[in-house]
């Protein structure tokens, strides 16, 4: 009977130690889980920041393209006006030259 009691007490001690070990392991796993949750939140935040930056870069690129198209239109318009002004100046210069030649004759 004593031997049976001793076996049960030993088994109880083993189970207590095993329970303590499992409890400690559970605490460690909870800490790891908490750390992983924080890492995941940081990752999500960084991913959101990167997505926002990518959207901003894309928008800026589109804006630059639109601005460049507008500039090209303005340059073409100004070039056409300058060309017409130059033709008008040449014509006026020719008329003045002709008038001067006529007066000198």
PDB file of N, CA and C in Angstrom:
ATOM      1  N   UNK A   1       0.817  -1.190   0.000  1.00  0.00           N
ATOM      2  CA  UNK A   1       0.000   0.000   0.000  1.00  0.00           C
ATOM      3  C   UNK A   1       0.867   1.262   0.000  1.00  0.00           C
ATOM      4  N   UNK A   2       1.932   1.243   0.806  1.00  0.00           N
ATOM      5  CA  UNK A   2       2.849   2.376   0.851  1.00  0.00           C
ATOM      6  C   UNK A   2       3.503   2.613  -0.492  1.00  0.00           C
ATOM      7  N   UNK A   3       3.813   1.523  -1.119  1.00  0.00           N
ATOM      8  CA  UNK A   3       4.457   1.644  -2.433  1.00  0.00           C
ATOM      9  C   UNK A   3       3.493   2.300  -3.428  1.00  0.00           C
ATOM     10  N   UNK A   4       2.257   1.927  -3.356  1.00  0.00           N
ATOM     11  CA  UNK A   4       1.234   2.498  -4.232  1.00  0.00           C
ATOM     12  C   UNK A   4       1.084   3.998  -3.957  1.00  0.00           C
ATOM     13  N   UNK A   5       1.080   4.386  -2.721  1.00  0.00           N
ATOM     14  CA  UNK A   5       0.979   5.795  -2.339  1.00  0.00           C
ATOM     15  C   UNK A   5       2.210   6.552  -2.832  1.00  0.00           C
ATOM     16  N   UNK A   6       3.368   5.945  -2.662  1.00  0.00           N
ATOM     17  CA  UNK A   6       4.610   6.570  -3.126  1.00  0.00           C
ATOM     18  C   UNK A   6       4.572   6.781  -4.644  1.00  0.00           C
ATOM     19  N   UNK A   7       4.098   5.805  -5.404  1.00  0.00           N
ATOM     20  CA  UNK A   7       3.996   5.924  -6.859  1.00  0.00           C
ATOM     21  C   UNK A   7       3.057   7.069  -7.231  1.00  0.00           C
ATOM     22  N   UNK A   8       1.935   7.155  -6.516  1.00  0.00           N
ATOM     23  CA  UNK A   8       0.960   8.213  -6.820  1.00  0.00           C
ATOM     24  C   UNK A   8       1.532   9.589  -6.485  1.00  0.00           C
ATOM     25  N   UNK A   9       2.247   9.678  -5.363  1.00  0.00           N
ATOM     26  CA  UNK A   9       2.861  10.958  -4.996  1.00  0.00           C
ATOM     27  C   UNK A   9       3.919  11.356  -6.025  1.00  0.00           C
ATOM     28  N   UNK A  10       4.695  10.377  -6.460  1.00  0.00           N
ATOM     29  CA  UNK A  10       5.707  10.641  -7.485  1.00  0.00           C
ATOM     30  C   UNK A  10       5.047  11.113  -8.776  1.00  0.00           C
ATOM     31  N   UNK A  11       3.986  10.413  -9.146  1.00  0.00           N
ATOM     32  CA  UNK A  11       3.257  10.791 -10.365  1.00  0.00           C
ATOM     33  C   UNK A  11       2.683  12.205 -10.222  1.00  0.00           C
ATOM     34  N   UNK A  12       2.173  12.527  -9.053  1.00  0.00           N
ATOM     35  CA  UNK A  12       1.632  13.872  -8.805  1.00  0.00           C
ATOM     36  C   UNK A  12       2.741  14.918  -8.960  1.00  0.00           C
ATOM     37  N   UNK A  13       3.913  14.641  -8.407  1.00  0.00           N
ATOM     38  CA  UNK A  13       5.043  15.568  -8.518  1.00  0.00           C
ATOM     39  C   UNK A  13       5.452  15.756  -9.992  1.00  0.00           C
ATOM     40  N   UNK A  14       5.508  14.651 -10.708  1.00  0.00           N
ATOM     41  CA  UNK A  14       5.875  14.714 -12.140  1.00  0.00           C
ATOM     42  C   UNK A  14       4.832  15.545 -12.885  1.00  0.00           C
ATOM     43  N   UNK A  15       3.566  15.303 -12.595  1.00  0.00           N
ATOM     44  CA  UNK A  15       2.507  16.043 -13.273  1.00  0.00           C
ATOM     45  C   UNK A  15       2.532  17.533 -12.906  1.00  0.00           C
ATOM     46  N   UNK A  16       2.856  17.837 -11.650  1.00  0.00           N
ATOM     47  CA  UNK A  16       2.974  19.239 -11.241  1.00  0.00           C
ATOM     48  C   UNK A  16       4.096  19.939 -12.007  1.00  0.00           C
ATOM     49  N   UNK A  17       5.256  19.252 -12.096  1.00  0.00           N
ATOM     50  CA  UNK A  17       6.385  19.851 -12.836  1.00  0.00           C
ATOM     51  C   UNK A  17       6.019  20.027 -14.312  1.00  0.00           C
ATOM     52  N   UNK A  18       5.369  19.023 -14.862  1.00  0.00           N
ATOM     53  CA  UNK A  18       4.961  19.101 -16.268  1.00  0.00           C
ATOM     54  C   UNK A  18       3.974  20.259 -16.464  1.00  0.00           C
ATOM     55  N   UNK A  19       3.068  20.401 -15.503  1.00  0.00           N
ATOM     56  CA  UNK A  19       2.097  21.493 -15.568  1.00  0.00           C
ATOM     57  C   UNK A  19       2.801  22.849 -15.477  1.00  0.00           C
ATOM     58  N   UNK A  20       3.784  22.976 -14.590  1.00  0.00           N
ATOM     59  CA  UNK A  20       4.562  24.222 -14.483  1.00  0.00           C
ATOM     60  C   UNK A  20       5.299  24.507 -15.784  1.00  0.00           C
ATOM     61  N   UNK A  21       5.897  23.467 -16.347  1.00  0.00           N
ATOM     62  CA  UNK A  21       6.613  23.638 -17.622  1.00  0.00           C
ATOM     63  C   UNK A  21       5.660  24.075 -18.732  1.00  0.00           C
ATOM     64  N   UNK A  22       4.506  23.465 -18.780  1.00  0.00           N
ATOM     65  CA  UNK A  22       3.519  23.836 -19.804  1.00  0.00           C
ATOM     66  C   UNK A  22       3.029  25.270 -19.593  1.00  0.00           C
ATOM     67  N   UNK A  23       2.863  25.645 -18.342  1.00  0.00           N
ATOM     68  CA  UNK A  23       2.438  27.014 -18.036  1.00  0.00           C
ATOM     69  C   UNK A  23       3.494  28.018 -18.503  1.00  0.00           C
ATOM     70  N   UNK A  24       4.769  27.711 -18.211  1.00  0.00           N
ATOM     71  CA  UNK A  24       5.860  28.599 -18.658  1.00  0.00           C
ATOM     72  C   UNK A  24       5.926  28.654 -20.179  1.00  0.00           C
ATOM     73  N   UNK A  25       5.757  27.512 -20.804  1.00  0.00           N
ATOM     74  CA  UNK A  25       5.789  27.473 -22.273  1.00  0.00           C
ATOM     75  C   UNK A  25       4.629  28.283 -22.844  1.00  0.00           C
ATOM     76  N   UNK A  26       3.487  28.181 -22.195  1.00  0.00           N
ATOM     77  CA  UNK A  26       2.326  28.953 -22.630  1.00  0.00           C
ATOM     78  C   UNK A  26       2.592  30.455 -22.489  1.00  0.00           C
ATOM     79  N   UNK A  27       3.212  30.862 -21.393  1.00  0.00           N
ATOM     80  CA  UNK A  27       3.567  32.280 -21.216  1.00  0.00           C
ATOM     81  C   UNK A  27       4.518  32.743 -22.311  1.00  0.00           C
ATOM     82  N   UNK A  28       5.506  31.896 -22.600  1.00  0.00           N
ATOM     83  CA  UNK A  28       6.452  32.237 -23.677  1.00  0.00           C
ATOM     84  C   UNK A  28       5.736  32.364 -25.018  1.00  0.00           C
ATOM     85  N   UNK A  29       4.845  31.428 -25.278  1.00  0.00           N
ATOM     86  CA  UNK A  29       4.098  31.485 -26.546  1.00  0.00           C
ATOM     87  C   UNK A  29       3.205  32.722 -26.600  1.00  0.00           C
ATOM     88  N   UNK A  30       2.646  33.103 -25.463  1.00  0.00           N
ATOM     89  CA  UNK A  30       1.831  34.324 -25.429  1.00  0.00           C
ATOM     90  C   UNK A  30       2.686  35.560 -25.708  1.00  0.00           C
ATOM     91  N   UNK A  31       3.909  35.590 -25.149  1.00  0.00           N
ATOM     92  CA  UNK A  31       4.821  36.710 -25.432  1.00  0.00           C
ATOM     93  C   UNK A  31       5.186  36.738 -26.919  1.00  0.00           C
ATOM     94  N   UNK A  32       5.482  35.564 -27.452  1.00  0.00           N
ATOM     95  CA  UNK A  32       5.839  35.488 -28.885  1.00  0.00           C
ATOM     96  C   UNK A  32       4.656  35.960 -29.725  1.00  0.00           C
ATOM     97  N   UNK A  33       3.470  35.506 -29.372  1.00  0.00           N
ATOM     98  CA  UNK A  33       2.270  35.908 -30.115  1.00  0.00           C
ATOM     99  C   UNK A  33       2.057  37.420 -30.039  1.00  0.00           C
ATOM    100  N   UNK A  34       2.272  37.976 -28.862  1.00  0.00           N
ATOM    101  CA  UNK A  34       2.134  39.418 -28.692  1.00  0.00           C
ATOM    102  C   UNK A  34       3.152  40.164 -29.560  1.00  0.00           C
ATOM    103  N   UNK A  35       4.393  39.678 -29.557  1.00  0.00           N
ATOM    104  CA  UNK A  35       5.433  40.303 -30.390  1.00  0.00           C
ATOM    105  C   UNK A  35       5.090  40.191 -31.868  1.00  0.00           C
ATOM    106  N   UNK A  36       4.605  39.025 -32.272  1.00  0.00           N
ATOM    107  CA  UNK A  36       4.235  38.844 -33.679  1.00  0.00           C
ATOM    108  C   UNK A  36       3.066  39.752 -34.065  1.00  0.00           C
ATOM    109  N   UNK A  37       2.162  39.950 -33.131  1.00  0.00           N
ATOM    110  CA  UNK A  37       1.039  40.856 -33.399  1.00  0.00           C
ATOM    111  C   UNK A  37       1.550  42.279 -33.617  1.00  0.00           C
ATOM    112  N   UNK A  38       2.491  42.710 -32.771  1.00  0.00           N
ATOM    113  CA  UNK A  38       3.070  44.064 -32.940  1.00  0.00           C
ATOM    114  C   UNK A  38       3.823  44.161 -34.268  1.00  0.00           C
ATOM    115  N   UNK A  39       4.567  43.110 -34.604  1.00  0.00           N
ATOM    116  CA  UNK A  39       5.304  43.113 -35.876  1.00  0.00           C
ATOM    117  C   UNK A  39       4.319  43.198 -37.040  1.00  0.00           C
ATOM    118  N   UNK A  40       3.249  42.438 -36.946  1.00  0.00           N
ATOM    119  CA  UNK A  40       2.248  42.447 -38.009  1.00  0.00           C
ATOM    120  C   UNK A  40       1.595  43.821 -38.138  1.00  0.00           C
ATOM    121  N   UNK A  41       1.307  44.455 -37.007  1.00  0.00           N
ATOM    122  CA  UNK A  41       0.737  45.803 -37.049  1.00  0.00           C
ATOM    123  C   UNK A  41       1.718  46.781 -37.679  1.00  0.00           C
ATOM    124  N   UNK A  42       2.994  46.643 -37.332  1.00  0.00           N
ATOM    125  CA  UNK A  42       4.015  47.514 -37.928  1.00  0.00           C
ATOM    126  C   UNK A  42       4.108  47.267 -39.425  1.00  0.00           C
ATOM    127  N   UNK A  43       4.092  45.999 -39.793  1.00  0.00           N
ATOM    128  CA  UNK A  43       4.154  45.651 -41.218  1.00  0.00           C
ATOM    129  C   UNK A  43       2.962  46.262 -41.958  1.00  0.00           C
ATOM    130  N   UNK A  44       1.772  46.133 -41.365  1.00  0.00           N
ATOM    131  CA  UNK A  44       0.573  46.688 -42.003  1.00  0.00           C
ATOM    132  C   UNK A  44       0.695  48.200 -42.160  1.00  0.00           C
ATOM    133  N   UNK A  45       1.213  48.839 -41.123  1.00  0.00           N
ATOM    134  CA  UNK A  45       1.383  50.291 -41.179  1.00  0.00           C
ATOM    135  C   UNK A  45       2.393  50.677 -42.266  1.00  0.00           C
ATOM    136  N   UNK A  46       3.503  49.949 -42.312  1.00  0.00           N
ATOM    137  CA  UNK A  46       4.533  50.223 -43.336  1.00  0.00           C
ATOM    138  C   UNK A  46       3.964  49.963 -44.727  1.00  0.00           C
ATOM    139  N   UNK A  47       3.212  48.879 -44.868  1.00  0.00           N
ATOM    140  CA  UNK A  47       2.606  48.564 -46.164  1.00  0.00           C
ATOM    141  C   UNK A  47       1.656  49.675 -46.584  1.00  0.00           C
ATOM    142  N   UNK A  48       0.852  50.168 -45.635  1.00  0.00           N
ATOM    143  CA  UNK A  48      -0.054  51.284 -45.947  1.00  0.00           C
ATOM    144  C   UNK A  48       0.732  52.517 -46.381  1.00  0.00           C
ATOM    145  N   UNK A  49       1.831  52.802 -45.674  1.00  0.00           N
ATOM    146  CA  UNK A  49       2.669  53.953 -46.043  1.00  0.00           C
ATOM    147  C   UNK A  49       3.228  53.789 -47.448  1.00  0.00           C
ATOM    148  N   UNK A  50       3.689  52.580 -47.760  1.00  0.00           N
ATOM    149  CA  UNK A  50       4.247  52.322 -49.102  1.00  0.00           C
ATOM    150  C   UNK A  50       3.159  52.459 -50.164  1.00  0.00           C
ATOM    151  N   UNK A  51       1.974  51.930 -49.877  1.00  0.00           N
ATOM    152  CA  UNK A  51       0.865  52.067 -50.830  1.00  0.00           C
ATOM    153  C   UNK A  51       0.529  53.537 -51.065  1.00  0.00           C
ATOM    154  N   UNK A  52       0.516  54.315 -49.980  1.00  0.00           N
ATOM    155  CA  UNK A  52       0.236  55.750 -50.121  1.00  0.00           C
ATOM    156  C   UNK A  52       1.325  56.444 -50.936  1.00  0.00           C
ATOM    157  N   UNK A  53       2.577  56.085 -50.653  1.00  0.00           N
ATOM    158  CA  UNK A  53       3.680  56.677 -51.422  1.00  0.00           C
ATOM    159  C   UNK A  53       3.573  56.315 -52.902  1.00  0.00           C
ATOM    160  N   UNK A  54       3.249  55.062 -53.168  1.00  0.00           N
ATOM    161  CA  UNK A  54       3.096  54.640 -54.569  1.00  0.00           C
ATOM    162  C   UNK A  54       1.971  55.404 -55.261  1.00  0.00           C
ATOM    163  N   UNK A  55       0.863  55.594 -54.533  1.00  0.00           N
ATOM    164  CA  UNK A  55      -0.243  56.382 -55.104  1.00  0.00           C
ATOM    165  C   UNK A  55       0.198  57.816 -55.369  1.00  0.00           C
ATOM    166  N   UNK A  56       0.933  58.391 -54.412  1.00  0.00           N
ATOM    167  CA  UNK A  56       1.415  59.765 -54.588  1.00  0.00           C
ATOM    168  C   UNK A  56       2.364  59.869 -55.773  1.00  0.00           C
ATOM    169  N   UNK A  57       3.269  58.901 -55.888  1.00  0.00           N
ATOM    170  CA  UNK A  57       4.216  58.923 -57.017  1.00  0.00           C
ATOM    171  C   UNK A  57       3.452  58.819 -58.333  1.00  0.00           C
ATOM    172  N   UNK A  58       2.471  57.917 -58.368  1.00  0.00           N
ATOM    173  CA  UNK A  58       1.675  57.751 -59.585  1.00  0.00           C
ATOM    174  C   UNK A  58       0.918  59.040 -59.917  1.00  0.00           C
ATOM    175  N   UNK A  59       0.307  59.646 -58.897  1.00  0.00           N
ATOM    176  CA  UNK A  59      -0.415  60.908 -59.126  1.00  0.00           C
ATOM    177  C   UNK A  59       0.527  62.011 -59.591  1.00  0.00           C
ATOM    178  N   UNK A  60       1.699  62.084 -58.956  1.00  0.00           N
ATOM    179  CA  UNK A  60       2.677  63.107 -59.361  1.00  0.00           C
ATOM    180  C   UNK A  60       3.137  62.884 -60.792  1.00  0.00           C
ATOM    181  N   UNK A  61       3.350  61.623 -61.147  1.00  0.00           N
ATOM    182  CA  UNK A  61       3.772  61.310 -62.512  1.00  0.00           C
ATOM    183  C   UNK A  61       2.691  61.724 -63.508  1.00  0.00           C
ATOM    184  N   UNK A  62       1.434  61.407 -63.169  1.00  0.00           N
ATOM    185  CA  UNK A  62       0.329  61.803 -64.058  1.00  0.00           C
ATOM    186  C   UNK A  62       0.224  63.318 -64.159  1.00  0.00           C
ATOM    187  N   UNK A  63       0.394  63.996 -63.031  1.00  0.00           N
ATOM    188  CA  UNK A  63       0.350  65.464 -63.055  1.00  0.00           C
ATOM    189  C   UNK A  63       1.471  66.037 -63.914  1.00  0.00           C
ATOM    190  N   UNK A  64       2.671  65.454 -63.775  1.00  0.00           N
ATOM    191  CA  UNK A  64       3.791  65.918 -64.597  1.00  0.00           C
ATOM    192  C   UNK A  64       3.510  65.706 -66.085  1.00  0.00           C
ATOM    193  N   UNK A  65       2.955  64.560 -66.414  1.00  0.00           N
ATOM    194  CA  UNK A  65       2.621  64.299 -67.819  1.00  0.00           C
ATOM    195  C   UNK A  65       1.597  65.304 -68.341  1.00  0.00           C
ATOM    196  N   UNK A  66       0.590  65.568 -67.510  1.00  0.00           N
ATOM    197  CA  UNK A  66      -0.431  66.554 -67.921  1.00  0.00           C
ATOM    198  C   UNK A  66       0.185  67.934 -68.076  1.00  0.00           C
ATOM    199  N   UNK A  67       1.043  68.314 -67.131  1.00  0.00           N
ATOM    200  CA  UNK A  67       1.706  69.621 -67.216  1.00  0.00           C
ATOM    201  C   UNK A  67       2.584  69.703 -68.457  1.00  0.00           C
ATOM    202  N   UNK A  68       3.290  68.614 -68.746  1.00  0.00           N
ATOM    203  CA  UNK A  68       4.147  68.605 -69.946  1.00  0.00           C
ATOM    204  C   UNK A  68       3.314  68.762 -71.210  1.00  0.00           C
ATOM    205  N   UNK A  69       2.158  68.092 -71.267  1.00  0.00           N
ATOM    206  CA  UNK A  69       1.290  68.236 -72.446  1.00  0.00           C
ATOM    207  C   UNK A  69       0.819  69.687 -72.596  1.00  0.00           C
ATOM    208  N   UNK A  70       0.450  70.295 -71.466  1.00  0.00           N
ATOM    209  CA  UNK A  70       0.015  71.696 -71.505  1.00  0.00           C
ATOM    210  C   UNK A  70       1.150  72.612 -71.963  1.00  0.00           C
ATOM    211  N   UNK A  71       2.360  72.340 -71.452  1.00  0.00           N
ATOM    212  CA  UNK A  71       3.513  73.155 -71.863  1.00  0.00           C
ATOM    213  C   UNK A  71       3.786  73.020 -73.358  1.00  0.00           C
ATOM    214  N   UNK A  72       3.690  71.801 -73.862  1.00  0.00           N
ATOM    215  CA  UNK A  72       3.915  71.589 -75.301  1.00  0.00           C
ATOM    216  C   UNK A  72       2.883  72.376 -76.106  1.00  0.00           C
ATOM    217  N   UNK A  73       1.622  72.334 -75.669  1.00  0.00           N
ATOM    218  CA  UNK A  73       0.576  73.103 -76.374  1.00  0.00           C
ATOM    219  C   UNK A  73       0.894  74.596 -76.359  1.00  0.00           C
ATOM    220  N   UNK A  74       1.314  75.108 -75.191  1.00  0.00           N
ATOM    221  CA  UNK A  74       1.640  76.535 -75.075  1.00  0.00           C
ATOM    222  C   UNK A  74       2.837  76.889 -75.949  1.00  0.00           C
ATOM    223  N   UNK A  75       3.856  76.019 -75.961  1.00  0.00           N
ATOM    224  CA  UNK A  75       5.043  76.282 -76.787  1.00  0.00           C
ATOM    225  C   UNK A  75       4.665  76.287 -78.259  1.00  0.00           C
ATOM    226  N   UNK A  76       3.829  75.323 -78.669  1.00  0.00           N
ATOM    227  CA  UNK A  76       3.399  75.278 -80.072  1.00  0.00           C
ATOM    228  C   UNK A  76       2.602  76.535 -80.427  1.00  0.00           C
ATOM    229  N   UNK A  77       1.717  76.960 -79.514  1.00  0.00           N
ATOM    230  CA  UNK A  77       0.914  78.170 -79.744  1.00  0.00           C
ATOM    231  C   UNK A  77       1.817  79.398 -79.848  1.00  0.00           C
ATOM    232  N   UNK A  78       2.775  79.511 -78.922  1.00  0.00           N
ATOM    233  CA  UNK A  78       3.710  80.650 -78.940  1.00  0.00           C
ATOM    234  C   UNK A  78       4.582  80.620 -80.192  1.00  0.00           C
ATOM    235  N   UNK A  79       4.993  79.415 -80.591  1.00  0.00           N
ATOM    236  CA  UNK A  79       5.810  79.300 -81.799  1.00  0.00           C
ATOM    237  C   UNK A  79       5.029  79.786 -83.025  1.00  0.00           C
ATOM    238  N   UNK A  80       3.768  79.377 -83.081  1.00  0.00           N
ATOM    239  CA  UNK A  80       2.924  79.812 -84.202  1.00  0.00           C
ATOM    240  C   UNK A  80       2.765  81.331 -84.189  1.00  0.00           C
ATOM    241  N   UNK A  81       2.513  81.901 -83.011  1.00  0.00           N
ATOM    242  CA  UNK A  81       2.376  83.366 -82.912  1.00  0.00           C
ATOM    243  C   UNK A  81       3.674  84.068 -83.284  1.00  0.00           C
ATOM    244  N   UNK A  82       4.800  83.528 -82.804  1.00  0.00           N
ATOM    245  CA  UNK A  82       6.085  84.146 -83.133  1.00  0.00           C
ATOM    246  C   UNK A  82       6.348  84.057 -84.628  1.00  0.00           C
ATOM    247  N   UNK A  83       5.988  82.947 -85.225  1.00  0.00           N
ATOM    248  CA  UNK A  83       6.180  82.776 -86.662  1.00  0.00           C
ATOM    249  C   UNK A  83       5.333  83.794 -87.430  1.00  0.00           C
ATOM    250  N   UNK A  84       4.092  83.951 -86.988  1.00  0.00           N
ATOM    251  CA  UNK A  84       3.221  84.948 -87.654  1.00  0.00           C
ATOM    252  C   UNK A  84       3.752  86.361 -87.434  1.00  0.00           C
ATOM    253  N   UNK A  85       4.206  86.657 -86.223  1.00  0.00           N
ATOM    254  CA  UNK A  85       4.777  87.987 -85.945  1.00  0.00           C
ATOM    255  C   UNK A  85       6.002  88.240 -86.804  1.00  0.00           C
ATOM    256  N   UNK A  86       6.835  87.213 -86.950  1.00  0.00           N
ATOM    257  CA  UNK A  86       8.047  87.355 -87.761  1.00  0.00           C
ATOM    258  C   UNK A  86       7.685  87.614 -89.225  1.00  0.00           C
ATOM    259  N   UNK A  87       6.691  86.901 -89.742  1.00  0.00           N
ATOM    260  CA  UNK A  87       6.244  87.138 -91.127  1.00  0.00           C
ATOM    261  C   UNK A  87       5.743  88.574 -91.285  1.00  0.00           C
ATOM    262  N   UNK A  88       5.001  89.026 -90.256  1.00  0.00           N
ATOM    263  CA  UNK A  88       4.476  90.396 -90.314  1.00  0.00           C
ATOM    264  C   UNK A  88       5.613  91.422 -90.273  1.00  0.00           C
ATOM    265  N   UNK A  89       6.640  91.169 -89.436  1.00  0.00           N
ATOM    266  CA  UNK A  89       7.788  92.067 -89.372  1.00  0.00           C
ATOM    267  C   UNK A  89       8.541  92.101 -90.696  1.00  0.00           C
ATOM    268  N   UNK A  90       8.707  90.921 -91.292  1.00  0.00           N
ATOM    269  CA  UNK A  90       9.412  90.863 -92.589  1.00  0.00           C
ATOM    270  C   UNK A  90       8.629  91.640 -93.639  1.00  0.00           C
ATOM    271  N   UNK A  91       7.307  91.445 -93.608  1.00  0.00           N
ATOM    272  CA  UNK A  91       6.466  92.161 -94.573  1.00  0.00           C
ATOM    273  C   UNK A  91       6.543  93.677 -94.350  1.00  0.00           C
ATOM    274  N   UNK A  92       6.479  94.086 -93.073  1.00  0.00           N
ATOM    275  CA  UNK A  92       6.572  95.520 -92.753  1.00  0.00           C
ATOM    276  C   UNK A  92       7.944  96.052 -93.162  1.00  0.00           C
ATOM    277  N   UNK A  93       8.989  95.289 -92.867  1.00  0.00           N
ATOM    278  CA  UNK A  93      10.342  95.707 -93.255  1.00  0.00           C
ATOM    279  C   UNK A  93      10.460  95.852 -94.763  1.00  0.00           C
ATOM    280  N   UNK A  94       9.876  94.931 -95.484  1.00  0.00           N
ATOM    281  CA  UNK A  94       9.929  95.015 -96.948  1.00  0.00           C
ATOM    282  C   UNK A  94       9.186  96.251 -97.442  1.00  0.00           C
ATOM    283  N   UNK A  95       8.041  96.528 -96.815  1.00  0.00           N
ATOM    284  CA  UNK A  95       7.271  97.721 -97.218  1.00  0.00           C
ATOM    285  C   UNK A  95       8.062  98.992 -96.922  1.00  0.00           C
ATOM    286  N   UNK A  96       8.691  99.048 -95.761  1.00  0.00           N
ATOM    287  CA  UNK A  96       9.493 100.233 -95.411  1.00  0.00           C
ATOM    288  C   UNK A  96      10.651 100.381 -96.387  1.00  0.00           C
ATOM    289  N   UNK A  97      11.306  99.263 -96.705  1.00  0.00           N
ATOM    290  CA  UNK A  97      12.437  99.306 -97.646  1.00  0.00           C
ATOM    291  C   UNK A  97      11.953  99.807 -99.005  1.00  0.00           C
ATOM    292  N   UNK A  98      10.818  99.320 -99.420  1.00  0.00           N
ATOM    293  CA  UNK A  98      10.272  99.733-100.714  1.00  0.00           C
ATOM    294  C   UNK A  98       9.918 101.225-100.708  1.00  0.00           C
ATOM    295  N   UNK A  99       9.312 101.682 -99.602  1.00  0.00           N
ATOM    296  CA  UNK A  99       8.965 103.107 -99.477  1.00  0.00           C
ATOM    297  C   UNK A  99      10.220 103.975 -99.508  1.00  0.00           C
ATOM    298  N   UNK A 100      11.284 103.529 -98.794  1.00  0.00           N
ATOM    299  CA  UNK A 100      12.514 104.286 -98.766  1.00  0.00           C
ATOM    300  C   UNK A 100      13.141 104.328-100.162  1.00  0.00           C
ATOM    301  N   UNK A 101      13.138 103.193-100.827  1.00  0.00           N
ATOM    302  CA  UNK A 101      13.700 103.154-102.208  1.00  0.00           C
ATOM    303  C   UNK A 101      12.935 104.094-103.127  1.00  0.00           C
ATOM    304  N   UNK A 102      11.599 104.122-102.978  1.00  0.00           N
ATOM    305  CA  UNK A 102      10.776 105.002-103.811  1.00  0.00           C
ATOM    306  C   UNK A 102      11.060 106.471-103.512  1.00  0.00           C
ATOM    307  N   UNK A 103      11.275 106.795-102.238  1.00  0.00           N
ATOM    308  CA  UNK A 103      11.551 108.180-101.879  1.00  0.00           C
ATOM    309  C   UNK A 103      12.938 108.619-102.362  1.00  0.00           C
ATOM    310  N   UNK A 104      13.873 107.659-102.371  1.00  0.00           N
ATOM    311  CA  UNK A 104      15.219 108.005-102.820  1.00  0.00           C
ATOM    312  C   UNK A 104      15.270 108.191-104.335  1.00  0.00           C
ATOM    313  N   UNK A 105      14.372 107.617-105.031  1.00  0.00           N
ATOM    314  CA  UNK A 105      14.399 107.741-106.490  1.00  0.00           C
ATOM    315  C   UNK A 105      13.830 109.021-106.997  1.00  0.00           C
TER     316      UNK A 105
END
